[in-house]
Amino acid sequence: MGTLTVWKFDTTDGADKATDLLKDMAAQRLLTIHDAATVRWEEGKKKPQTRQLNNLAGAGALGGAFWGMLFGLIFFVPLLGLAIGAASGALAGSLSDVGIDDKFINRIREQVTPGTSALFIMTSDVVVDRVHEAFADARPELIFTNLSDEQERAIREVFSEA
């Protein structure tokens, strides 16, 4: 089973610092990283900076289209220049079909605000308690949705970059 996990940090650099921890946890086999991205929202800025973490992404990475659509829906800012236009309604429906619903999007939108950052990770084989312990010093808030194997395959089909 794949899991889309969102860790919210109360600092703008928390998500960036956490990427090193992710690498260590993956090396210890505490999780398998399929894809990852960060959001960094500086105080005084209207929109956050988003970045796909290609150096952490595994062979089955979802790619920029997935992250661009998700961040576009949440923060009204696309990643990697993906245009959000008339097609956003149809793609939002596709996200809903694979377990990312309005409740999830609204919760993240409400909690990831100026002065914070967030780490978005698509993982499997997670030892949640050990991962939470590794992030304990940064005191992040965990927001997650579990995706079934079928939902993860559907995301890959919708957003595959052939």
N, C-alpha and C. Protein backbone atom coordinates (compact mmCIF):
# COMPACT_ATOMS: atom_id res chain seq x y z
N MET A 1 0.84 -1.18 0.00
CA MET A 1 0.00 0.00 0.00
C MET A 1 0.88 1.24 0.00
N GLY A 2 0.53 2.25 -0.80
CA GLY A 2 1.25 3.51 -0.84
C GLY A 2 0.58 4.51 0.09
N THR A 3 1.36 5.44 0.60
CA THR A 3 0.84 6.47 1.48
C THR A 3 1.33 7.82 1.02
N LEU A 4 0.41 8.76 0.86
CA LEU A 4 0.78 10.15 0.65
C LEU A 4 0.79 10.78 2.03
N THR A 5 1.95 11.23 2.46
CA THR A 5 2.11 11.79 3.79
C THR A 5 2.48 13.25 3.66
N VAL A 6 1.90 14.08 4.53
CA VAL A 6 2.25 15.49 4.58
C VAL A 6 2.68 15.82 5.99
N TRP A 7 3.92 16.30 6.11
CA TRP A 7 4.46 16.75 7.40
C TRP A 7 4.52 18.27 7.35
N LYS A 8 3.86 18.94 8.27
CA LYS A 8 3.87 20.40 8.34
C LYS A 8 4.84 20.83 9.43
N PHE A 9 5.69 21.81 9.10
CA PHE A 9 6.69 22.34 10.04
C PHE A 9 6.36 23.79 10.35
N ASP A 10 6.64 24.21 11.58
CA ASP A 10 6.33 25.57 12.00
C ASP A 10 7.40 26.58 11.62
N THR A 11 8.36 26.15 10.81
CA THR A 11 9.39 27.06 10.30
C THR A 11 9.46 26.93 8.78
N THR A 12 9.98 27.94 8.13
CA THR A 12 10.06 27.90 6.67
C THR A 12 11.12 26.93 6.17
N ASP A 13 12.11 26.60 7.00
CA ASP A 13 13.15 25.69 6.55
C ASP A 13 13.01 24.27 7.10
N GLY A 14 11.96 24.01 7.85
CA GLY A 14 11.76 22.69 8.45
C GLY A 14 11.67 21.57 7.44
N ALA A 15 10.92 21.76 6.37
CA ALA A 15 10.78 20.72 5.35
C ALA A 15 12.10 20.46 4.64
N ASP A 16 12.88 21.52 4.39
CA ASP A 16 14.17 21.34 3.73
C ASP A 16 15.12 20.53 4.61
N LYS A 17 15.14 20.82 5.91
CA LYS A 17 16.00 20.07 6.83
C LYS A 17 15.56 18.61 6.93
N ALA A 18 14.27 18.39 6.85
CA ALA A 18 13.74 17.03 6.99
C ALA A 18 14.13 16.12 5.83
N THR A 19 14.49 16.69 4.69
CA THR A 19 14.85 15.84 3.55
C THR A 19 16.10 15.01 3.84
N ASP A 20 17.04 15.55 4.63
CA ASP A 20 18.22 14.77 5.01
C ASP A 20 17.81 13.60 5.90
N LEU A 21 16.86 13.84 6.80
CA LEU A 21 16.35 12.75 7.65
C LEU A 21 15.70 11.66 6.79
N LEU A 22 14.98 12.09 5.76
CA LEU A 22 14.34 11.11 4.87
C LEU A 22 15.38 10.20 4.21
N LYS A 23 16.45 10.79 3.74
CA LYS A 23 17.50 9.99 3.12
C LYS A 23 18.04 8.95 4.10
N ASP A 24 18.28 9.38 5.34
CA ASP A 24 18.79 8.47 6.36
C ASP A 24 17.78 7.35 6.65
N MET A 25 16.49 7.72 6.76
CA MET A 25 15.47 6.72 7.05
C MET A 25 15.33 5.72 5.91
N ALA A 26 15.44 6.19 4.69
CA ALA A 26 15.38 5.29 3.54
C ALA A 26 16.57 4.33 3.57
N ALA A 27 17.75 4.84 3.93
CA ALA A 27 18.94 3.99 4.00
C ALA A 27 18.80 2.93 5.10
N GLN A 28 18.07 3.27 6.16
CA GLN A 28 17.82 2.32 7.26
C GLN A 28 16.63 1.41 6.98
N ARG A 29 16.04 1.59 5.80
CA ARG A 29 14.87 0.80 5.39
C ARG A 29 13.65 1.00 6.30
N LEU A 30 13.53 2.22 6.84
CA LEU A 30 12.35 2.55 7.63
C LEU A 30 11.19 2.98 6.74
N LEU A 31 11.50 3.28 5.47
CA LEU A 31 10.49 3.62 4.49
C LEU A 31 11.08 3.52 3.09
N THR A 32 10.19 3.37 2.13
CA THR A 32 10.58 3.40 0.72
C THR A 32 9.97 4.66 0.12
N ILE A 33 10.82 5.53 -0.41
CA ILE A 33 10.36 6.80 -0.98
C ILE A 33 10.11 6.61 -2.48
N HIS A 34 8.88 6.89 -2.90
CA HIS A 34 8.55 6.83 -4.32
C HIS A 34 8.63 8.20 -4.97
N ASP A 35 8.28 9.24 -4.20
CA ASP A 35 8.36 10.61 -4.71
C ASP A 35 8.21 11.56 -3.53
N ALA A 36 8.68 12.78 -3.70
CA ALA A 36 8.60 13.76 -2.63
C ALA A 36 8.66 15.17 -3.19
N ALA A 37 8.10 16.11 -2.43
CA ALA A 37 8.13 17.52 -2.81
C ALA A 37 8.02 18.36 -1.53
N THR A 38 8.49 19.59 -1.61
CA THR A 38 8.38 20.49 -0.45
C THR A 38 7.64 21.77 -0.83
N VAL A 39 7.10 22.38 0.21
CA VAL A 39 6.48 23.69 0.13
C VAL A 39 7.15 24.55 1.19
N ARG A 40 7.61 25.73 0.80
CA ARG A 40 8.27 26.66 1.72
C ARG A 40 7.56 28.00 1.56
N TRP A 41 6.93 28.48 2.63
CA TRP A 41 6.15 29.71 2.54
C TRP A 41 6.75 30.76 3.46
N GLU A 42 7.51 31.66 2.87
CA GLU A 42 8.16 32.74 3.61
C GLU A 42 7.12 33.74 4.09
N GLU A 43 7.36 34.31 5.28
CA GLU A 43 6.50 35.37 5.80
C GLU A 43 6.49 36.53 4.81
N GLY A 44 5.34 37.14 4.63
CA GLY A 44 5.21 38.29 3.75
C GLY A 44 5.03 37.95 2.28
N LYS A 45 5.17 36.70 1.91
CA LYS A 45 4.98 36.29 0.52
C LYS A 45 3.53 35.87 0.31
N LYS A 46 3.02 36.16 -0.90
CA LYS A 46 1.63 35.82 -1.22
C LYS A 46 1.45 34.33 -1.48
N LYS A 47 2.49 33.71 -2.04
CA LYS A 47 2.40 32.29 -2.41
C LYS A 47 3.67 31.57 -1.98
N PRO A 48 3.55 30.27 -1.72
CA PRO A 48 4.74 29.51 -1.32
C PRO A 48 5.60 29.10 -2.51
N GLN A 49 6.84 28.73 -2.21
CA GLN A 49 7.74 28.12 -3.19
C GLN A 49 7.53 26.62 -3.10
N THR A 50 7.46 25.95 -4.25
CA THR A 50 7.29 24.50 -4.27
C THR A 50 8.44 23.88 -5.04
N ARG A 51 8.79 22.65 -4.64
CA ARG A 51 9.93 22.00 -5.28
C ARG A 51 9.76 20.49 -5.22
N GLN A 52 9.89 19.84 -6.35
CA GLN A 52 9.91 18.38 -6.37
C GLN A 52 11.31 17.93 -6.01
N LEU A 53 11.42 16.93 -5.15
CA LEU A 53 12.71 16.45 -4.69
C LEU A 53 13.16 15.28 -5.55
N ASN A 54 13.67 15.60 -6.72
CA ASN A 54 14.10 14.58 -7.66
C ASN A 54 15.18 13.67 -7.09
N ASN A 55 16.00 14.20 -6.18
CA ASN A 55 17.07 13.40 -5.60
C ASN A 55 16.54 12.33 -4.65
N LEU A 56 15.28 12.44 -4.21
CA LEU A 56 14.68 11.44 -3.34
C LEU A 56 13.72 10.53 -4.08
N ALA A 57 13.30 10.96 -5.25
CA ALA A 57 12.27 10.22 -5.98
C ALA A 57 12.79 8.87 -6.47
N GLY A 58 11.96 7.86 -6.28
CA GLY A 58 12.32 6.52 -6.72
C GLY A 58 11.98 6.30 -8.18
N ALA A 59 12.14 5.06 -8.61
CA ALA A 59 11.91 4.71 -10.00
C ALA A 59 10.46 4.94 -10.41
N GLY A 60 9.53 4.83 -9.46
CA GLY A 60 8.11 5.00 -9.77
C GLY A 60 7.60 6.40 -9.50
N ALA A 61 8.46 7.40 -9.60
CA ALA A 61 8.09 8.77 -9.28
C ALA A 61 6.88 9.22 -10.09
N LEU A 62 6.01 9.99 -9.44
CA LEU A 62 4.78 10.46 -10.08
C LEU A 62 5.06 11.58 -11.07
N GLY A 63 6.03 12.41 -10.79
CA GLY A 63 6.42 13.46 -11.71
C GLY A 63 5.77 14.80 -11.42
N GLY A 64 6.23 15.79 -12.18
CA GLY A 64 5.80 17.17 -11.99
C GLY A 64 4.33 17.41 -12.22
N ALA A 65 3.69 16.65 -13.10
CA ALA A 65 2.27 16.87 -13.36
C ALA A 65 1.44 16.62 -12.11
N PHE A 66 1.76 15.55 -11.39
CA PHE A 66 1.02 15.25 -10.15
C PHE A 66 1.22 16.35 -9.12
N TRP A 67 2.49 16.67 -8.82
CA TRP A 67 2.77 17.68 -7.81
C TRP A 67 2.24 19.05 -8.24
N GLY A 68 2.37 19.37 -9.52
CA GLY A 68 1.87 20.65 -10.01
C GLY A 68 0.37 20.78 -9.82
N MET A 69 -0.37 19.72 -10.13
CA MET A 69 -1.81 19.76 -9.96
C MET A 69 -2.18 19.84 -8.48
N LEU A 70 -1.55 19.01 -7.66
CA LEU A 70 -1.88 19.01 -6.24
C LEU A 70 -1.59 20.38 -5.62
N PHE A 71 -0.39 20.93 -5.87
CA PHE A 71 -0.05 22.23 -5.30
C PHE A 71 -0.89 23.34 -5.91
N GLY A 72 -1.23 23.21 -7.17
CA GLY A 72 -2.11 24.20 -7.79
C GLY A 72 -3.47 24.22 -7.12
N LEU A 73 -4.02 23.05 -6.81
CA LEU A 73 -5.32 22.98 -6.14
C LEU A 73 -5.24 23.50 -4.71
N ILE A 74 -4.16 23.19 -4.01
CA ILE A 74 -4.05 23.60 -2.61
C ILE A 74 -3.70 25.07 -2.48
N PHE A 75 -2.66 25.50 -3.18
CA PHE A 75 -2.11 26.84 -2.96
C PHE A 75 -2.36 27.79 -4.13
N PHE A 76 -3.05 27.32 -5.15
CA PHE A 76 -3.30 28.13 -6.33
C PHE A 76 -2.01 28.58 -7.00
N VAL A 77 -0.95 27.74 -6.87
CA VAL A 77 0.32 28.02 -7.51
C VAL A 77 0.85 26.70 -8.08
N PRO A 78 1.07 26.60 -9.37
CA PRO A 78 1.55 25.36 -9.96
C PRO A 78 3.04 25.15 -9.73
N LEU A 79 3.44 23.90 -9.73
CA LEU A 79 4.84 23.52 -9.65
C LEU A 79 5.35 23.27 -11.06
N LEU A 80 6.57 23.66 -11.32
CA LEU A 80 7.21 23.40 -12.61
C LEU A 80 6.47 24.02 -13.78
N GLY A 81 5.74 25.11 -13.55
CA GLY A 81 5.10 25.83 -14.63
C GLY A 81 3.86 25.17 -15.21
N LEU A 82 3.33 24.14 -14.55
CA LEU A 82 2.12 23.49 -15.06
C LEU A 82 0.97 24.49 -14.99
N ALA A 83 0.32 24.73 -16.10
CA ALA A 83 -0.77 25.70 -16.15
C ALA A 83 -2.03 25.11 -15.53
N ILE A 84 -2.66 25.88 -14.66
CA ILE A 84 -3.93 25.48 -14.06
C ILE A 84 -5.01 26.31 -14.76
N GLY A 85 -5.84 25.63 -15.51
CA GLY A 85 -6.86 26.34 -16.26
C GLY A 85 -8.14 25.54 -16.28
N ALA A 86 -8.78 25.50 -17.44
CA ALA A 86 -10.06 24.83 -17.59
C ALA A 86 -9.97 23.35 -17.26
N ALA A 87 -8.82 22.74 -17.45
CA ALA A 87 -8.67 21.30 -17.19
C ALA A 87 -8.60 20.98 -15.70
N SER A 88 -8.45 21.99 -14.84
CA SER A 88 -8.27 21.71 -13.42
C SER A 88 -9.46 21.00 -12.81
N GLY A 89 -10.65 21.30 -13.26
CA GLY A 89 -11.83 20.60 -12.73
C GLY A 89 -11.80 19.12 -13.03
N ALA A 90 -11.45 18.76 -14.24
CA ALA A 90 -11.37 17.35 -14.62
C ALA A 90 -10.26 16.64 -13.86
N LEU A 91 -9.11 17.29 -13.72
CA LEU A 91 -8.01 16.67 -12.99
C LEU A 91 -8.31 16.60 -11.50
N ALA A 92 -9.00 17.60 -10.97
CA ALA A 92 -9.41 17.55 -9.56
C ALA A 92 -10.31 16.36 -9.33
N GLY A 93 -11.18 16.08 -10.27
CA GLY A 93 -12.03 14.90 -10.19
C GLY A 93 -11.20 13.64 -10.18
N SER A 94 -10.14 13.60 -10.98
CA SER A 94 -9.25 12.44 -11.01
C SER A 94 -8.55 12.26 -9.67
N LEU A 95 -8.13 13.35 -9.05
CA LEU A 95 -7.51 13.26 -7.74
C LEU A 95 -8.49 12.72 -6.72
N SER A 96 -9.72 13.18 -6.79
CA SER A 96 -10.75 12.69 -5.88
C SER A 96 -10.95 11.20 -6.06
N ASP A 97 -10.91 10.74 -7.30
CA ASP A 97 -11.07 9.32 -7.59
C ASP A 97 -9.98 8.47 -6.96
N VAL A 98 -8.82 9.06 -6.71
CA VAL A 98 -7.72 8.29 -6.15
C VAL A 98 -7.47 8.61 -4.68
N GLY A 99 -8.44 9.21 -4.00
CA GLY A 99 -8.36 9.36 -2.56
C GLY A 99 -7.89 10.70 -2.05
N ILE A 100 -7.63 11.67 -2.92
CA ILE A 100 -7.24 13.01 -2.48
C ILE A 100 -8.46 13.89 -2.67
N ASP A 101 -9.16 14.14 -1.57
CA ASP A 101 -10.43 14.83 -1.67
C ASP A 101 -10.36 16.27 -1.16
N ASP A 102 -11.50 16.96 -1.25
CA ASP A 102 -11.57 18.36 -0.82
C ASP A 102 -11.22 18.54 0.65
N LYS A 103 -11.61 17.59 1.48
CA LYS A 103 -11.32 17.69 2.92
C LYS A 103 -9.81 17.70 3.15
N PHE A 104 -9.10 16.80 2.46
CA PHE A 104 -7.64 16.73 2.56
C PHE A 104 -7.02 18.04 2.07
N ILE A 105 -7.44 18.51 0.91
CA ILE A 105 -6.91 19.73 0.31
C ILE A 105 -7.17 20.94 1.21
N ASN A 106 -8.40 21.05 1.72
CA ASN A 106 -8.74 22.19 2.58
C ASN A 106 -7.96 22.17 3.89
N ARG A 107 -7.75 20.98 4.45
CA ARG A 107 -6.99 20.89 5.70
C ARG A 107 -5.56 21.38 5.50
N ILE A 108 -4.94 20.96 4.40
CA ILE A 108 -3.57 21.41 4.14
C ILE A 108 -3.55 22.90 3.87
N ARG A 109 -4.49 23.38 3.10
CA ARG A 109 -4.57 24.82 2.78
C ARG A 109 -4.69 25.66 4.05
N GLU A 110 -5.46 25.18 5.02
CA GLU A 110 -5.66 25.91 6.28
C GLU A 110 -4.42 25.88 7.17
N GLN A 111 -3.65 24.80 7.09
CA GLN A 111 -2.54 24.63 8.04
C GLN A 111 -1.18 25.03 7.50
N VAL A 112 -0.97 24.97 6.21
CA VAL A 112 0.31 25.38 5.63
C VAL A 112 0.14 26.83 5.18
N THR A 113 0.66 27.73 6.00
CA THR A 113 0.45 29.16 5.84
C THR A 113 1.80 29.89 5.87
N PRO A 114 1.81 31.21 5.62
CA PRO A 114 3.08 31.94 5.68
C PRO A 114 3.81 31.69 6.99
N GLY A 115 5.13 31.46 6.88
CA GLY A 115 5.95 31.18 8.05
C GLY A 115 6.12 29.70 8.33
N THR A 116 5.51 28.84 7.49
CA THR A 116 5.60 27.40 7.69
C THR A 116 6.16 26.74 6.44
N SER A 117 6.36 25.43 6.53
CA SER A 117 6.76 24.64 5.38
C SER A 117 6.12 23.27 5.51
N ALA A 118 6.16 22.51 4.42
CA ALA A 118 5.58 21.17 4.44
C ALA A 118 6.37 20.25 3.53
N LEU A 119 6.40 18.99 3.93
CA LEU A 119 7.06 17.95 3.17
C LEU A 119 5.99 16.94 2.75
N PHE A 120 5.85 16.75 1.45
CA PHE A 120 4.89 15.83 0.86
C PHE A 120 5.67 14.61 0.38
N ILE A 121 5.28 13.41 0.82
CA ILE A 121 6.04 12.21 0.47
C ILE A 121 5.08 11.10 0.06
N MET A 122 5.40 10.46 -1.05
CA MET A 122 4.70 9.24 -1.45
C MET A 122 5.62 8.09 -1.07
N THR A 123 5.18 7.27 -0.10
CA THR A 123 6.02 6.21 0.44
C THR A 123 5.27 4.88 0.51
N SER A 124 6.03 3.87 0.83
CA SER A 124 5.45 2.58 1.20
C SER A 124 6.38 1.96 2.23
N ASP A 125 5.92 0.89 2.84
CA ASP A 125 6.73 0.17 3.83
C ASP A 125 7.24 1.10 4.93
N VAL A 126 6.35 1.90 5.51
CA VAL A 126 6.73 2.89 6.50
C VAL A 126 6.60 2.31 7.91
N VAL A 127 7.63 2.55 8.72
CA VAL A 127 7.57 2.25 10.14
C VAL A 127 7.24 3.60 10.81
N VAL A 128 5.93 3.88 10.94
CA VAL A 128 5.45 5.22 11.31
C VAL A 128 6.04 5.70 12.63
N ASP A 129 6.08 4.87 13.65
CA ASP A 129 6.60 5.30 14.94
C ASP A 129 8.06 5.75 14.85
N ARG A 130 8.87 5.02 14.10
CA ARG A 130 10.29 5.37 13.96
C ARG A 130 10.45 6.65 13.14
N VAL A 131 9.62 6.83 12.13
CA VAL A 131 9.68 8.05 11.32
C VAL A 131 9.27 9.25 12.18
N HIS A 132 8.21 9.09 12.94
CA HIS A 132 7.76 10.18 13.82
C HIS A 132 8.85 10.52 14.83
N GLU A 133 9.53 9.51 15.40
CA GLU A 133 10.63 9.76 16.33
C GLU A 133 11.74 10.56 15.67
N ALA A 134 12.07 10.24 14.43
CA ALA A 134 13.15 10.93 13.71
C ALA A 134 12.82 12.41 13.52
N PHE A 135 11.54 12.72 13.34
CA PHE A 135 11.12 14.11 13.14
C PHE A 135 10.80 14.83 14.45
N ALA A 136 10.92 14.16 15.59
CA ALA A 136 10.44 14.70 16.87
C ALA A 136 11.05 16.06 17.22
N ASP A 137 12.34 16.25 16.97
CA ASP A 137 12.98 17.53 17.35
C ASP A 137 12.38 18.71 16.61
N ALA A 138 11.95 18.50 15.38
CA ALA A 138 11.36 19.59 14.58
C ALA A 138 9.89 19.81 14.93
N ARG A 139 9.30 18.88 15.66
CA ARG A 139 7.89 18.94 16.08
C ARG A 139 6.94 19.21 14.92
N PRO A 140 7.03 18.41 13.86
CA PRO A 140 6.09 18.62 12.76
C PRO A 140 4.72 18.05 13.11
N GLU A 141 3.74 18.50 12.35
CA GLU A 141 2.40 17.93 12.48
C GLU A 141 2.21 16.98 11.31
N LEU A 142 1.75 15.79 11.59
CA LEU A 142 1.54 14.79 10.56
C LEU A 142 0.11 14.86 10.05
N ILE A 143 -0.03 15.03 8.72
CA ILE A 143 -1.32 14.97 8.05
C ILE A 143 -1.13 13.92 6.96
N PHE A 144 -1.97 12.90 6.91
CA PHE A 144 -1.74 11.89 5.88
C PHE A 144 -3.06 11.28 5.42
N THR A 145 -2.96 10.69 4.24
CA THR A 145 -4.06 9.90 3.71
C THR A 145 -3.47 8.60 3.18
N ASN A 146 -4.05 7.51 3.54
CA ASN A 146 -3.58 6.22 3.01
C ASN A 146 -4.20 5.99 1.66
N LEU A 147 -3.42 5.52 0.73
CA LEU A 147 -3.91 5.20 -0.60
C LEU A 147 -3.82 3.69 -0.78
N SER A 148 -4.87 3.10 -1.28
CA SER A 148 -4.82 1.68 -1.59
C SER A 148 -3.94 1.47 -2.81
N ASP A 149 -3.55 0.20 -3.05
CA ASP A 149 -2.74 -0.10 -4.24
C ASP A 149 -3.46 0.35 -5.50
N GLU A 150 -4.76 0.14 -5.54
CA GLU A 150 -5.55 0.54 -6.71
C GLU A 150 -5.53 2.05 -6.91
N GLN A 151 -5.65 2.80 -5.81
CA GLN A 151 -5.63 4.25 -5.90
C GLN A 151 -4.25 4.75 -6.35
N GLU A 152 -3.18 4.11 -5.84
CA GLU A 152 -1.85 4.52 -6.25
C GLU A 152 -1.64 4.25 -7.73
N ARG A 153 -2.08 3.09 -8.23
CA ARG A 153 -1.98 2.79 -9.67
C ARG A 153 -2.76 3.82 -10.48
N ALA A 154 -3.94 4.21 -9.98
CA ALA A 154 -4.75 5.20 -10.70
C ALA A 154 -4.04 6.54 -10.78
N ILE A 155 -3.38 6.95 -9.69
CA ILE A 155 -2.62 8.21 -9.71
C ILE A 155 -1.52 8.10 -10.76
N ARG A 156 -0.81 6.98 -10.77
CA ARG A 156 0.28 6.81 -11.73
C ARG A 156 -0.24 6.85 -13.17
N GLU A 157 -1.41 6.26 -13.41
CA GLU A 157 -1.99 6.28 -14.76
C GLU A 157 -2.39 7.68 -15.16
N VAL A 158 -3.03 8.41 -14.24
CA VAL A 158 -3.50 9.76 -14.55
C VAL A 158 -2.33 10.71 -14.79
N PHE A 159 -1.26 10.57 -13.99
CA PHE A 159 -0.19 11.54 -14.04
C PHE A 159 1.13 11.01 -14.58
N SER A 160 1.11 9.84 -15.22
CA SER A 160 2.35 9.29 -15.76
C SER A 160 2.87 10.21 -16.86
N GLU A 161 4.16 10.34 -16.88
CA GLU A 161 4.81 11.19 -17.90
C GLU A 161 5.51 10.26 -18.87
N ALA A 162 4.76 9.85 -19.89
CA ALA A 162 5.30 8.87 -20.86
C ALA A 162 6.33 9.50 -21.76
